[in-house]
Each structure stands twice: as C-alpha cells, then as structure tokens.
PDB file of N, CA and C in Angstrom:
ATOM      1  N   MET A   1     -12.403   3.993 -22.465  1.00  0.00           N
ATOM      2  CA  MET A   1     -12.274   3.674 -21.046  1.00  0.00           C
ATOM      3  C   MET A   1     -13.638   3.830 -20.374  1.00  0.00           C
ATOM      4  N   THR A   2     -14.002   2.868 -19.544  1.00  0.00           N
ATOM      5  CA  THR A   2     -15.278   2.939 -18.851  1.00  0.00           C
ATOM      6  C   THR A   2     -15.083   3.519 -17.464  1.00  0.00           C
ATOM      7  N   LYS A   3     -16.096   4.235 -17.011  1.00  0.00           N
ATOM      8  CA  LYS A   3     -16.061   4.843 -15.699  1.00  0.00           C
ATOM      9  C   LYS A   3     -16.239   3.770 -14.626  1.00  0.00           C
ATOM     10  N   LYS A   4     -15.435   3.850 -13.564  1.00  0.00           N
ATOM     11  CA  LYS A   4     -15.563   2.894 -12.457  1.00  0.00           C
ATOM     12  C   LYS A   4     -16.819   3.220 -11.669  1.00  0.00           C
ATOM     13  N   LEU A   5     -17.595   2.187 -11.388  1.00  0.00           N
ATOM     14  CA  LEU A   5     -18.834   2.367 -10.647  1.00  0.00           C
ATOM     15  C   LEU A   5     -18.551   2.457  -9.153  1.00  0.00           C
ATOM     16  N   SER A   6     -19.320   3.290  -8.480  1.00  0.00           N
ATOM     17  CA  SER A   6     -19.175   3.408  -7.031  1.00  0.00           C
ATOM     18  C   SER A   6     -19.746   2.149  -6.370  1.00  0.00           C
ATOM     19  N   PRO A   7     -19.325   1.874  -5.145  1.00  0.00           N
ATOM     20  CA  PRO A   7     -19.888   0.718  -4.435  1.00  0.00           C
ATOM     21  C   PRO A   7     -21.416   0.789  -4.318  1.00  0.00           C
ATOM     22  N   MET A   8     -21.956   1.986  -4.126  1.00  0.00           N
ATOM     23  CA  MET A   8     -23.406   2.149  -4.022  1.00  0.00           C
ATOM     24  C   MET A   8     -24.075   1.782  -5.352  1.00  0.00           C
ATOM     25  N   THR A   9     -23.515   2.244  -6.457  1.00  0.00           N
ATOM     26  CA  THR A   9     -24.078   1.927  -7.769  1.00  0.00           C
ATOM     27  C   THR A   9     -23.999   0.430  -8.028  1.00  0.00           C
ATOM     28  N   GLU A  10     -22.888  -0.187  -7.674  1.00  0.00           N
ATOM     29  CA  GLU A  10     -22.756  -1.638  -7.841  1.00  0.00           C
ATOM     30  C   GLU A  10     -23.817  -2.378  -7.030  1.00  0.00           C
ATOM     31  N   ALA A  11     -24.080  -1.919  -5.804  1.00  0.00           N
ATOM     32  CA  ALA A  11     -25.097  -2.550  -4.958  1.00  0.00           C
ATOM     33  C   ALA A  11     -26.492  -2.378  -5.563  1.00  0.00           C
ATOM     34  N   ILE A  12     -26.766  -1.192  -6.089  1.00  0.00           N
ATOM     35  CA  ILE A  12     -28.064  -0.939  -6.728  1.00  0.00           C
ATOM     36  C   ILE A  12     -28.246  -1.851  -7.930  1.00  0.00           C
ATOM     37  N   LEU A  13     -27.218  -1.962  -8.754  1.00  0.00           N
ATOM     38  CA  LEU A  13     -27.308  -2.807  -9.942  1.00  0.00           C
ATOM     39  C   LEU A  13     -27.473  -4.277  -9.576  1.00  0.00           C
ATOM     40  N   GLU A  14     -26.778  -4.733  -8.556  1.00  0.00           N
ATOM     41  CA  GLU A  14     -26.905  -6.127  -8.127  1.00  0.00           C
ATOM     42  C   GLU A  14     -28.310  -6.406  -7.605  1.00  0.00           C
ATOM     43  N   THR A  15     -28.827  -5.496  -6.787  1.00  0.00           N
ATOM     44  CA  THR A  15     -30.180  -5.662  -6.253  1.00  0.00           C
ATOM     45  C   THR A  15     -31.205  -5.643  -7.378  1.00  0.00           C
ATOM     46  N   ALA A  16     -31.060  -4.697  -8.293  1.00  0.00           N
ATOM     47  CA  ALA A  16     -31.985  -4.616  -9.434  1.00  0.00           C
ATOM     48  C   ALA A  16     -31.919  -5.892 -10.266  1.00  0.00           C
ATOM     49  N   GLY A  17     -30.725  -6.423 -10.473  1.00  0.00           N
ATOM     50  CA  GLY A  17     -30.576  -7.662 -11.233  1.00  0.00           C
ATOM     51  C   GLY A  17     -31.266  -8.830 -10.557  1.00  0.00           C
ATOM     52  N   ASP A  18     -31.099  -8.932  -9.255  1.00  0.00           N
ATOM     53  CA  ASP A  18     -31.756 -10.012  -8.510  1.00  0.00           C
ATOM     54  C   ASP A  18     -33.273  -9.864  -8.567  1.00  0.00           C
ATOM     55  N   MET A  19     -33.759  -8.633  -8.410  1.00  0.00           N
ATOM     56  CA  MET A  19     -35.205  -8.390  -8.455  1.00  0.00           C
ATOM     57  C   MET A  19     -35.769  -8.712  -9.841  1.00  0.00           C
ATOM     58  N   HIS A  20     -35.018  -8.378 -10.861  1.00  0.00           N
ATOM     59  CA  HIS A  20     -35.464  -8.654 -12.229  1.00  0.00           C
ATOM     60  C   HIS A  20     -35.522 -10.151 -12.478  1.00  0.00           C
ATOM     61  N   ARG A  21     -34.488 -10.866 -12.076  1.00  0.00           N
ATOM     62  CA  ARG A  21     -34.449 -12.314 -12.278  1.00  0.00           C
ATOM     63  C   ARG A  21     -35.562 -13.029 -11.521  1.00  0.00           C
ATOM     64  N   LEU A  22     -35.949 -12.491 -10.373  1.00  0.00           N
ATOM     65  CA  LEU A  22     -37.009 -13.094  -9.569  1.00  0.00           C
ATOM     66  C   LEU A  22     -38.404 -12.679 -10.036  1.00  0.00           C
ATOM     67  N   GLY A  23     -38.463 -11.772 -10.995  1.00  0.00           N
ATOM     68  CA  GLY A  23     -39.747 -11.336 -11.520  1.00  0.00           C
ATOM     69  C   GLY A  23     -40.399 -10.219 -10.725  1.00  0.00           C
ATOM     70  N   ILE A  24     -39.672  -9.643  -9.783  1.00  0.00           N
ATOM     71  CA  ILE A  24     -40.206  -8.561  -8.959  1.00  0.00           C
ATOM     72  C   ILE A  24     -40.148  -7.229  -9.720  1.00  0.00           C
ATOM     73  N   MET A  25     -39.184  -7.103 -10.619  1.00  0.00           N
ATOM     74  CA  MET A  25     -39.006  -5.872 -11.383  1.00  0.00           C
ATOM     75  C   MET A  25     -39.254  -6.164 -12.862  1.00  0.00           C
ATOM     76  N   SER A  26     -39.971  -5.276 -13.514  1.00  0.00           N
ATOM     77  CA  SER A  26     -40.294  -5.457 -14.929  1.00  0.00           C
ATOM     78  C   SER A  26     -39.055  -5.271 -15.801  1.00  0.00           C
ATOM     79  N   ASP A  27     -39.120  -5.804 -17.008  1.00  0.00           N
ATOM     80  CA  ASP A  27     -38.029  -5.640 -17.971  1.00  0.00           C
ATOM     81  C   ASP A  27     -37.759  -4.162 -18.238  1.00  0.00           C
ATOM     82  N   GLU A  28     -38.824  -3.388 -18.376  1.00  0.00           N
ATOM     83  CA  GLU A  28     -38.690  -1.962 -18.689  1.00  0.00           C
ATOM     84  C   GLU A  28     -37.974  -1.206 -17.569  1.00  0.00           C
ATOM     85  N   ASP A  29     -38.382  -1.451 -16.322  1.00  0.00           N
ATOM     86  CA  ASP A  29     -37.736  -0.782 -15.190  1.00  0.00           C
ATOM     87  C   ASP A  29     -36.275  -1.197 -15.073  1.00  0.00           C
ATOM     88  N   TYR A  30     -36.011  -2.473 -15.267  1.00  0.00           N
ATOM     89  CA  TYR A  30     -34.641  -2.967 -15.166  1.00  0.00           C
ATOM     90  C   TYR A  30     -33.760  -2.348 -16.246  1.00  0.00           C
ATOM     91  N   LYS A  31     -34.293  -2.275 -17.457  1.00  0.00           N
ATOM     92  CA  LYS A  31     -33.526  -1.689 -18.565  1.00  0.00           C
ATOM     93  C   LYS A  31     -33.224  -0.226 -18.285  1.00  0.00           C
ATOM     94  N   THR A  32     -34.180   0.492 -17.710  1.00  0.00           N
ATOM     95  CA  THR A  32     -33.973   1.901 -17.382  1.00  0.00           C
ATOM     96  C   THR A  32     -32.836   2.066 -16.380  1.00  0.00           C
ATOM     97  N   ILE A  33     -32.834   1.246 -15.350  1.00  0.00           N
ATOM     98  CA  ILE A  33     -31.793   1.339 -14.316  1.00  0.00           C
ATOM     99  C   ILE A  33     -30.436   0.979 -14.891  1.00  0.00           C
ATOM    100  N   THR A  34     -30.359  -0.126 -15.620  1.00  0.00           N
ATOM    101  CA  THR A  34     -29.062  -0.561 -16.129  1.00  0.00           C
ATOM    102  C   THR A  34     -28.534   0.368 -17.211  1.00  0.00           C
ATOM    103  N   LEU A  35     -29.402   0.886 -18.068  1.00  0.00           N
ATOM    104  CA  LEU A  35     -28.947   1.819 -19.094  1.00  0.00           C
ATOM    105  C   LEU A  35     -28.419   3.101 -18.471  1.00  0.00           C
ATOM    106  N   ARG A  36     -29.078   3.554 -17.414  1.00  0.00           N
ATOM    107  CA  ARG A  36     -28.636   4.774 -16.744  1.00  0.00           C
ATOM    108  C   ARG A  36     -27.223   4.611 -16.192  1.00  0.00           C
ATOM    109  N   HIS A  37     -26.915   3.430 -15.665  1.00  0.00           N
ATOM    110  CA  HIS A  37     -25.625   3.234 -15.007  1.00  0.00           C
ATOM    111  C   HIS A  37     -24.568   2.570 -15.889  1.00  0.00           C
ATOM    112  N   LEU A  38     -24.989   1.728 -16.822  1.00  0.00           N
ATOM    113  CA  LEU A  38     -24.030   0.961 -17.609  1.00  0.00           C
ATOM    114  C   LEU A  38     -23.956   1.390 -19.068  1.00  0.00           C
ATOM    115  N   GLY A  39     -24.885   2.197 -19.508  1.00  0.00           N
ATOM    116  CA  GLY A  39     -24.909   2.552 -20.920  1.00  0.00           C
ATOM    117  C   GLY A  39     -25.428   1.384 -21.729  1.00  0.00           C
ATOM    118  N   GLU A  40     -24.901   1.202 -22.885  1.00  0.00           N
ATOM    119  CA  GLU A  40     -25.390   0.161 -23.791  1.00  0.00           C
ATOM    120  C   GLU A  40     -24.708  -1.192 -23.579  1.00  0.00           C
ATOM    121  N   GLN A  41     -23.973  -1.343 -22.481  1.00  0.00           N
ATOM    122  CA  GLN A  41     -23.344  -2.634 -22.206  1.00  0.00           C
ATOM    123  C   GLN A  41     -24.400  -3.730 -22.161  1.00  0.00           C
ATOM    124  N   ALA A  42     -24.035  -4.885 -22.640  1.00  0.00           N
ATOM    125  CA  ALA A  42     -24.962  -6.023 -22.572  1.00  0.00           C
ATOM    126  C   ALA A  42     -25.102  -6.470 -21.120  1.00  0.00           C
ATOM    127  N   VAL A  43     -26.316  -6.730 -20.727  1.00  0.00           N
ATOM    128  CA  VAL A  43     -26.574  -7.240 -19.386  1.00  0.00           C
ATOM    129  C   VAL A  43     -26.317  -8.737 -19.414  1.00  0.00           C
ATOM    130  N   PRO A  44     -25.457  -9.252 -18.532  1.00  0.00           N
ATOM    131  CA  PRO A  44     -25.140 -10.677 -18.572  1.00  0.00           C
ATOM    132  C   PRO A  44     -26.348 -11.543 -18.251  1.00  0.00           C
ATOM    133  N   ALA A  45     -26.409 -12.676 -18.916  1.00  0.00           N
ATOM    134  CA  ALA A  45     -27.477 -13.645 -18.656  1.00  0.00           C
ATOM    135  C   ALA A  45     -27.172 -14.391 -17.362  1.00  0.00           C
ATOM    136  N   GLU A  46     -28.191 -15.005 -16.804  1.00  0.00           N
ATOM    137  CA  GLU A  46     -28.020 -15.787 -15.581  1.00  0.00           C
ATOM    138  C   GLU A  46     -27.111 -16.975 -15.874  1.00  0.00           C
ATOM    139  N   ALA A  47     -26.135 -17.179 -15.019  1.00  0.00           N
ATOM    140  CA  ALA A  47     -25.170 -18.258 -15.213  1.00  0.00           C
ATOM    141  C   ALA A  47     -25.799 -19.615 -14.900  1.00  0.00           C
ATOM    142  N   ALA A  48     -25.467 -20.590 -15.723  1.00  0.00           N
ATOM    143  CA  ALA A  48     -25.899 -21.960 -15.445  1.00  0.00           C
ATOM    144  C   ALA A  48     -25.200 -22.438 -14.177  1.00  0.00           C
ATOM    145  N   ILE A  49     -25.837 -23.351 -13.478  1.00  0.00           N
ATOM    146  CA  ILE A  49     -25.255 -23.891 -12.249  1.00  0.00           C
ATOM    147  C   ILE A  49     -25.378 -25.410 -12.313  1.00  0.00           C
ATOM    148  N   SER A  50     -24.312 -26.091 -12.001  1.00  0.00           N
ATOM    149  CA  SER A  50     -24.289 -27.546 -12.140  1.00  0.00           C
ATOM    150  C   SER A  50     -24.933 -28.230 -10.935  1.00  0.00           C
ATOM    151  N   GLY A  51     -25.290 -29.476 -11.142  1.00  0.00           N
ATOM    152  CA  GLY A  51     -25.849 -30.281 -10.066  1.00  0.00           C
ATOM    153  C   GLY A  51     -24.888 -30.430  -8.903  1.00  0.00           C
ATOM    154  N   GLU A  52     -23.597 -30.550  -9.224  1.00  0.00           N
ATOM    155  CA  GLU A  52     -22.594 -30.677  -8.166  1.00  0.00           C
ATOM    156  C   GLU A  52     -22.530 -29.407  -7.317  1.00  0.00           C
ATOM    157  N   GLU A  53     -22.633 -28.241  -7.970  1.00  0.00           N
ATOM    158  CA  GLU A  53     -22.611 -26.978  -7.232  1.00  0.00           C
ATOM    159  C   GLU A  53     -23.836 -26.857  -6.321  1.00  0.00           C
ATOM    160  N   ILE A  54     -24.981 -27.288  -6.825  1.00  0.00           N
ATOM    161  CA  ILE A  54     -26.204 -27.235  -6.040  1.00  0.00           C
ATOM    162  C   ILE A  54     -26.101 -28.164  -4.832  1.00  0.00           C
ATOM    163  N   ARG A  55     -25.617 -29.385  -5.066  1.00  0.00           N
ATOM    164  CA  ARG A  55     -25.437 -30.331  -3.963  1.00  0.00           C
ATOM    165  C   ARG A  55     -24.467 -29.765  -2.929  1.00  0.00           C
ATOM    166  N   SER A  56     -23.396 -29.163  -3.394  1.00  0.00           N
ATOM    167  CA  SER A  56     -22.415 -28.577  -2.493  1.00  0.00           C
ATOM    168  C   SER A  56     -23.032 -27.463  -1.639  1.00  0.00           C
ATOM    169  N   LEU A  57     -23.838 -26.598  -2.275  1.00  0.00           N
ATOM    170  CA  LEU A  57     -24.531 -25.539  -1.535  1.00  0.00           C
ATOM    171  C   LEU A  57     -25.422 -26.139  -0.453  1.00  0.00           C
ATOM    172  N   ARG A  58     -26.194 -27.136  -0.850  1.00  0.00           N
ATOM    173  CA  ARG A  58     -27.138 -27.769   0.081  1.00  0.00           C
ATOM    174  C   ARG A  58     -26.403 -28.445   1.228  1.00  0.00           C
ATOM    175  N   GLU A  59     -25.375 -29.207   0.894  1.00  0.00           N
ATOM    176  CA  GLU A  59     -24.643 -29.938   1.933  1.00  0.00           C
ATOM    177  C   GLU A  59     -23.877 -28.998   2.859  1.00  0.00           C
ATOM    178  N   SER A  60     -23.377 -27.872   2.316  1.00  0.00           N
ATOM    179  CA  SER A  60     -22.654 -26.919   3.169  1.00  0.00           C
ATOM    180  C   SER A  60     -23.594 -26.278   4.187  1.00  0.00           C
ATOM    181  N   ALA A  61     -24.893 -26.251   3.869  1.00  0.00           N
ATOM    182  CA  ALA A  61     -25.898 -25.714   4.794  1.00  0.00           C
ATOM    183  C   ALA A  61     -26.458 -26.804   5.701  1.00  0.00           C
ATOM    184  N   HIS A  62     -25.971 -28.035   5.537  1.00  0.00           N
ATOM    185  CA  HIS A  62     -26.430 -29.178   6.334  1.00  0.00           C
ATOM    186  C   HIS A  62     -27.942 -29.366   6.202  1.00  0.00           C
ATOM    187  N   MET A  63     -28.425 -29.328   4.948  1.00  0.00           N
ATOM    188  CA  MET A  63     -29.852 -29.502   4.677  1.00  0.00           C
ATOM    189  C   MET A  63     -30.084 -30.765   3.872  1.00  0.00           C
ATOM    190  N   SER A  64     -31.201 -31.403   4.147  1.00  0.00           N
ATOM    191  CA  SER A  64     -31.632 -32.508   3.294  1.00  0.00           C
ATOM    192  C   SER A  64     -32.207 -31.911   2.010  1.00  0.00           C
ATOM    193  N   GLN A  65     -32.427 -32.759   1.012  1.00  0.00           N
ATOM    194  CA  GLN A  65     -33.027 -32.275  -0.217  1.00  0.00           C
ATOM    195  C   GLN A  65     -34.422 -31.719   0.056  1.00  0.00           C
ATOM    196  N   ALA A  66     -35.164 -32.359   0.949  1.00  0.00           N
ATOM    197  CA  ALA A  66     -36.523 -31.917   1.257  1.00  0.00           C
ATOM    198  C   ALA A  66     -36.536 -30.528   1.900  1.00  0.00           C
ATOM    199  N   VAL A  67     -35.651 -30.294   2.848  1.00  0.00           N
ATOM    200  CA  VAL A  67     -35.591 -28.992   3.522  1.00  0.00           C
ATOM    201  C   VAL A  67     -35.135 -27.922   2.540  1.00  0.00           C
ATOM    202  N   PHE A  68     -34.107 -28.225   1.766  1.00  0.00           N
ATOM    203  CA  PHE A  68     -33.592 -27.290   0.757  1.00  0.00           C
ATOM    204  C   PHE A  68     -34.704 -26.930  -0.228  1.00  0.00           C
ATOM    205  N   ALA A  69     -35.427 -27.935  -0.687  1.00  0.00           N
ATOM    206  CA  ALA A  69     -36.514 -27.724  -1.648  1.00  0.00           C
ATOM    207  C   ALA A  69     -37.600 -26.838  -1.049  1.00  0.00           C
ATOM    208  N   ARG A  70     -37.927 -27.083   0.201  1.00  0.00           N
ATOM    209  CA  ARG A  70     -38.979 -26.286   0.845  1.00  0.00           C
ATOM    210  C   ARG A  70     -38.605 -24.810   0.896  1.00  0.00           C
ATOM    211  N   HIS A  71     -37.346 -24.507   1.200  1.00  0.00           N
ATOM    212  CA  HIS A  71     -36.892 -23.112   1.250  1.00  0.00           C
ATOM    213  C   HIS A  71     -36.921 -22.454  -0.129  1.00  0.00           C
ATOM    214  N   LEU A  72     -36.777 -23.241  -1.178  1.00  0.00           N
ATOM    215  CA  LEU A  72     -36.789 -22.705  -2.545  1.00  0.00           C
ATOM    216  C   LEU A  72     -38.161 -22.816  -3.204  1.00  0.00           C
ATOM    217  N   ASN A  73     -39.148 -23.333  -2.464  1.00  0.00           N
ATOM    218  CA  ASN A  73     -40.480 -23.564  -2.999  1.00  0.00           C
ATOM    219  C   ASN A  73     -40.449 -24.516  -4.200  1.00  0.00           C
ATOM    220  N   LEU A  74     -39.667 -25.576  -4.059  1.00  0.00           N
ATOM    221  CA  LEU A  74     -39.544 -26.624  -5.075  1.00  0.00           C
ATOM    222  C   LEU A  74     -39.919 -27.952  -4.434  1.00  0.00           C
ATOM    223  N   THR A  75     -39.992 -28.997  -5.249  1.00  0.00           N
ATOM    224  CA  THR A  75     -40.204 -30.333  -4.692  1.00  0.00           C
ATOM    225  C   THR A  75     -38.853 -30.990  -4.449  1.00  0.00           C
ATOM    226  N   ALA A  76     -38.830 -31.918  -3.506  1.00  0.00           N
ATOM    227  CA  ALA A  76     -37.592 -32.659  -3.244  1.00  0.00           C
ATOM    228  C   ALA A  76     -37.182 -33.453  -4.482  1.00  0.00           C
ATOM    229  N   GLY A  77     -38.155 -33.968  -5.220  1.00  0.00           N
ATOM    230  CA  GLY A  77     -37.856 -34.704  -6.445  1.00  0.00           C
ATOM    231  C   GLY A  77     -37.155 -33.842  -7.478  1.00  0.00           C
ATOM    232  N   TYR A  78     -37.586 -32.576  -7.597  1.00  0.00           N
ATOM    233  CA  TYR A  78     -36.955 -31.664  -8.552  1.00  0.00           C
ATOM    234  C   TYR A  78     -35.517 -31.358  -8.128  1.00  0.00           C
ATOM    235  N   VAL A  79     -35.313 -31.135  -6.830  1.00  0.00           N
ATOM    236  CA  VAL A  79     -33.950 -30.895  -6.329  1.00  0.00           C
ATOM    237  C   VAL A  79     -33.077 -32.105  -6.634  1.00  0.00           C
ATOM    238  N   SER A  80     -33.602 -33.295  -6.423  1.00  0.00           N
ATOM    239  CA  SER A  80     -32.855 -34.519  -6.733  1.00  0.00           C
ATOM    240  C   SER A  80     -32.494 -34.575  -8.212  1.00  0.00           C
ATOM    241  N   GLN A  81     -33.450 -34.240  -9.070  1.00  0.00           N
ATOM    242  CA  GLN A  81     -33.202 -34.279 -10.512  1.00  0.00           C
ATOM    243  C   GLN A  81     -32.150 -33.256 -10.936  1.00  0.00           C
ATOM    244  N   ILE A  82     -32.180 -32.061 -10.378  1.00  0.00           N
ATOM    245  CA  ILE A  82     -31.176 -31.081 -10.792  1.00  0.00           C
ATOM    246  C   ILE A  82     -29.804 -31.423 -10.216  1.00  0.00           C
ATOM    247  N   GLU A  83     -29.766 -32.018  -9.034  1.00  0.00           N
ATOM    248  CA  GLU A  83     -28.476 -32.448  -8.483  1.00  0.00           C
ATOM    249  C   GLU A  83     -27.872 -33.574  -9.309  1.00  0.00           C
ATOM    250  N   ARG A  84     -28.713 -34.463  -9.835  1.00  0.00           N
ATOM    251  CA  ARG A  84     -28.221 -35.565 -10.674  1.00  0.00           C
ATOM    252  C   ARG A  84     -27.933 -35.127 -12.104  1.00  0.00           C
ATOM    253  N   GLY A  85     -28.401 -33.939 -12.469  1.00  0.00           N
ATOM    254  CA  GLY A  85     -28.160 -33.434 -13.819  1.00  0.00           C
ATOM    255  C   GLY A  85     -29.186 -33.862 -14.846  1.00  0.00           C
ATOM    256  N   THR A  86     -30.276 -34.495 -14.419  1.00  0.00           N
ATOM    257  CA  THR A  86     -31.299 -34.902 -15.379  1.00  0.00           C
ATOM    258  C   THR A  86     -32.194 -33.736 -15.773  1.00  0.00           C
ATOM    259  N   LYS A  87     -32.206 -32.677 -14.944  1.00  0.00           N
ATOM    260  CA  LYS A  87     -32.916 -31.439 -15.265  1.00  0.00           C
ATOM    261  C   LYS A  87     -32.012 -30.271 -14.956  1.00  0.00           C
ATOM    262  N   GLN A  88     -32.242 -29.162 -15.643  1.00  0.00           N
ATOM    263  CA  GLN A  88     -31.496 -27.934 -15.396  1.00  0.00           C
ATOM    264  C   GLN A  88     -32.449 -26.904 -14.798  1.00  0.00           C
ATOM    265  N   PRO A  89     -32.037 -26.242 -13.713  1.00  0.00           N
ATOM    266  CA  PRO A  89     -32.913 -25.225 -13.136  1.00  0.00           C
ATOM    267  C   PRO A  89     -33.075 -24.055 -14.104  1.00  0.00           C
ATOM    268  N   LYS A  90     -34.272 -23.477 -14.100  1.00  0.00           N
ATOM    269  CA  LYS A  90     -34.583 -22.351 -14.969  1.00  0.00           C
ATOM    270  C   LYS A  90     -35.386 -21.329 -14.191  1.00  0.00           C
ATOM    271  N   GLY A  91     -35.502 -20.146 -14.747  1.00  0.00           N
ATOM    272  CA  GLY A  91     -36.352 -19.101 -14.196  1.00  0.00           C
ATOM    273  C   GLY A  91     -36.006 -18.720 -12.769  1.00  0.00           C
ATOM    274  N   PRO A  92     -37.033 -18.566 -11.933  1.00  0.00           N
ATOM    275  CA  PRO A  92     -36.807 -18.135 -10.558  1.00  0.00           C
ATOM    276  C   PRO A  92     -35.909 -19.082  -9.756  1.00  0.00           C
ATOM    277  N   ALA A  93     -36.025 -20.383  -9.997  1.00  0.00           N
ATOM    278  CA  ALA A  93     -35.174 -21.340  -9.270  1.00  0.00           C
ATOM    279  C   ALA A  93     -33.705 -21.086  -9.595  1.00  0.00           C
ATOM    280  N   LEU A  94     -33.397 -20.880 -10.873  1.00  0.00           N
ATOM    281  CA  LEU A  94     -32.011 -20.606 -11.276  1.00  0.00           C
ATOM    282  C   LEU A  94     -31.530 -19.289 -10.678  1.00  0.00           C
ATOM    283  N   ALA A  95     -32.397 -18.277 -10.687  1.00  0.00           N
ATOM    284  CA  ALA A  95     -32.021 -16.987 -10.112  1.00  0.00           C
ATOM    285  C   ALA A  95     -31.705 -17.125  -8.625  1.00  0.00           C
ATOM    286  N   LEU A  96     -32.568 -17.825  -7.881  1.00  0.00           N
ATOM    287  CA  LEU A  96     -32.319 -18.013  -6.454  1.00  0.00           C
ATOM    288  C   LEU A  96     -31.037 -18.805  -6.193  1.00  0.00           C
ATOM    289  N   LEU A  97     -30.816 -19.837  -6.977  1.00  0.00           N
ATOM    290  CA  LEU A  97     -29.602 -20.641  -6.801  1.00  0.00           C
ATOM    291  C   LEU A  97     -28.351 -19.816  -7.063  1.00  0.00           C
ATOM    292  N   ASN A  98     -28.399 -18.933  -8.062  1.00  0.00           N
ATOM    293  CA  ASN A  98     -27.252 -18.077  -8.335  1.00  0.00           C
ATOM    294  C   ASN A  98     -27.031 -17.050  -7.230  1.00  0.00           C
ATOM    295  N   VAL A  99     -28.109 -16.519  -6.671  1.00  0.00           N
ATOM    296  CA  VAL A  99     -27.973 -15.604  -5.536  1.00  0.00           C
ATOM    297  C   VAL A  99     -27.341 -16.339  -4.369  1.00  0.00           C
ATOM    298  N   MET A 100     -27.811 -17.574  -4.116  1.00  0.00           N
ATOM    299  CA  MET A 100     -27.248 -18.382  -3.036  1.00  0.00           C
ATOM    300  C   MET A 100     -25.774 -18.686  -3.277  1.00  0.00           C
ATOM    301  N   LYS A 101     -25.428 -18.934  -4.525  1.00  0.00           N
ATOM    302  CA  LYS A 101     -24.039 -19.230  -4.867  1.00  0.00           C
ATOM    303  C   LYS A 101     -23.148 -18.020  -4.575  1.00  0.00           C
ATOM    304  N   ARG A 102     -23.657 -16.823  -4.880  1.00  0.00           N
ATOM    305  CA  ARG A 102     -22.878 -15.605  -4.640  1.00  0.00           C
ATOM    306  C   ARG A 102     -22.881 -15.172  -3.183  1.00  0.00           C
ATOM    307  N   LYS A 103     -24.036 -15.283  -2.522  1.00  0.00           N
ATOM    308  CA  LYS A 103     -24.203 -14.693  -1.195  1.00  0.00           C
ATOM    309  C   LYS A 103     -24.234 -15.700  -0.053  1.00  0.00           C
ATOM    310  N   GLY A 104     -24.415 -16.986  -0.385  1.00  0.00           N
ATOM    311  CA  GLY A 104     -24.518 -18.003   0.653  1.00  0.00           C
ATOM    312  C   GLY A 104     -25.962 -18.413   0.856  1.00  0.00           C
ATOM    313  N   VAL A 105     -26.148 -19.565   1.446  1.00  0.00           N
ATOM    314  CA  VAL A 105     -27.469 -20.168   1.628  1.00  0.00           C
ATOM    315  C   VAL A 105     -28.324 -19.340   2.588  1.00  0.00           C
ATOM    316  N   ASP A 106     -27.711 -18.573   3.456  1.00  0.00           N
ATOM    317  CA  ASP A 106     -28.461 -17.790   4.436  1.00  0.00           C
ATOM    318  C   ASP A 106     -29.443 -16.817   3.805  1.00  0.00           C
ATOM    319  N   VAL A 107     -29.263 -16.455   2.537  1.00  0.00           N
ATOM    320  CA  VAL A 107     -30.178 -15.489   1.899  1.00  0.00           C
ATOM    321  C   VAL A 107     -31.592 -16.040   1.754  1.00  0.00           C
ATOM    322  N   ILE A 108     -31.768 -17.354   1.814  1.00  0.00           N
ATOM    323  CA  ILE A 108     -33.117 -17.926   1.668  1.00  0.00           C
ATOM    324  C   ILE A 108     -33.726 -18.288   3.018  1.00  0.00           C
ATOM    325  N   LEU A 109     -32.995 -18.138   4.063  1.00  0.00           N
ATOM    326  CA  LEU A 109     -33.502 -18.523   5.391  1.00  0.00           C
ATOM    327  C   LEU A 109     -34.220 -17.390   6.077  1.00  0.00           C
TER     328      LEU A 109
END
C-alpha cells in the first residue's frame, strides 16, 4: 500500500515536474525531490498532445496561430504544422502545451 500524498506534497511535485520539463531544474535535483516523496516509482513521461487538442486550446483562448505562437516563443508556421499533425511538439514546447492542457491557456499569459 502506498502512502497518500498531502496536497502540499502533490503541489511541490507538480511544480518540480513542470520546472524539470522546462529545463529550469536539473535532472539530479528533480530526481532528489521525486525520490524523497515517491520512492522508486517511475516518473511519468510527458504525454503526447494531438494537433486537434492544440487547436482546441488555441481556439478556446480566441487566439490566432500567430498570437498563440508568440506566447509560446514558436513560429506561426510551426504551430500550423503541429495542429495539422505534420510535426509533433517536443521538449519545452510539449511541456508548455501539457501545462496549458492541465491548467488552461492563462498560464502563458
């Protein structure tokens, strides 16, 4: 049986995960935090996000591709390509999109 995490611990782990995915926190620091709280549990990988989900996020915020791209520090062409499915977001872009998916578009504004 695993111990239930407190809301504070869950918030710390979520913040640490976001910081790690964005490159703000080193692998070593992240591993230390997660091992302390989760033990040897596997840390989940960043979830893939479809072009339709990205378009839905953008449209729900009433943003053009250009405005959305600017907030994510991407090009409008890249946003178009990931929305059409010709490219898959990776690295920091994928991390930000997943944060937006969980927390809403307001996190980048």
